[in-house]
Protein backbone atom coordinates (compact mmCIF):
# COMPACT_ATOMS: atom_id res chain seq x y z
CA MET A 1 116.25 182.77 114.80
CA SER A 2 118.23 184.33 111.99
CA LEU A 3 117.66 185.49 108.47
CA GLU A 4 120.26 184.46 105.97
CA ILE A 5 120.07 185.53 102.36
CA LYS A 6 122.45 183.87 99.96
CA ASN A 7 122.84 184.54 96.29
CA LEU A 8 119.98 186.98 95.97
CA VAL A 9 119.69 188.03 92.35
CA ILE A 10 117.17 190.56 91.17
CA ASN A 11 116.96 191.09 87.44
CA VAL A 12 114.90 194.03 86.32
CA HIS A 13 114.18 194.38 82.63
CA VAL A 14 112.05 197.20 81.35
CA SER A 15 111.72 197.54 77.61
CA GLY A 16 111.21 200.79 75.81
CA SER A 17 112.59 202.96 73.05
CA ALA A 18 116.11 204.33 73.07
CA GLU A 19 115.08 207.96 73.58
CA ASP A 20 116.98 209.76 76.34
CA LYS A 21 113.85 210.56 78.37
CA VAL A 22 112.60 207.00 78.15
CA PHE A 23 116.02 205.58 79.05
CA SER A 24 116.22 207.93 82.03
CA ARG A 25 112.75 206.84 83.18
CA ILE A 26 113.70 203.17 82.80
CA GLU A 27 116.78 203.71 84.96
CA ASN A 28 114.68 205.54 87.56
CA LEU A 29 112.16 202.68 87.66
CA ARG A 30 114.95 200.12 88.04
CA SER A 31 116.44 202.14 90.87
CA GLU A 32 113.07 202.46 92.62
CA ILE A 33 112.46 198.71 92.37
CA LEU A 34 115.87 197.89 93.81
CA ASP A 35 115.38 200.41 96.63
CA GLU A 36 112.04 198.81 97.49
CA CYS A 37 113.66 195.37 97.55
CA LYS A 38 116.40 196.62 99.87
CA GLU A 39 113.80 198.17 102.15
CA LEU A 40 111.75 194.94 102.28
CA ILE A 41 114.86 192.94 103.14
CA SER A 42 115.78 195.41 105.86
CA GLU A 43 112.27 195.27 107.34
CA SER A 44 112.40 191.48 107.28
CA GLU A 45 115.73 191.51 109.10
CA ASP A 46 114.30 193.89 111.72
CA ARG A 47 111.30 191.62 112.29
CA MET A 48 113.59 188.62 112.69
CA ARG A 49 115.66 190.49 115.29
CA ASP A 50 112.53 191.41 117.23
CA ARG A 51 111.50 187.76 117.58
């Protein structure tokens, strides 16, 4: 069995004010969300290999 992911698109939109601290926090949240998605995909691939 194999896992094939094609055309995965993850759009993350977080609204907030244009202040530097808020913008930095928004970018950090976006990065954390994308890292979590990558980790979930990796775990899924590992489970598929184990089958």
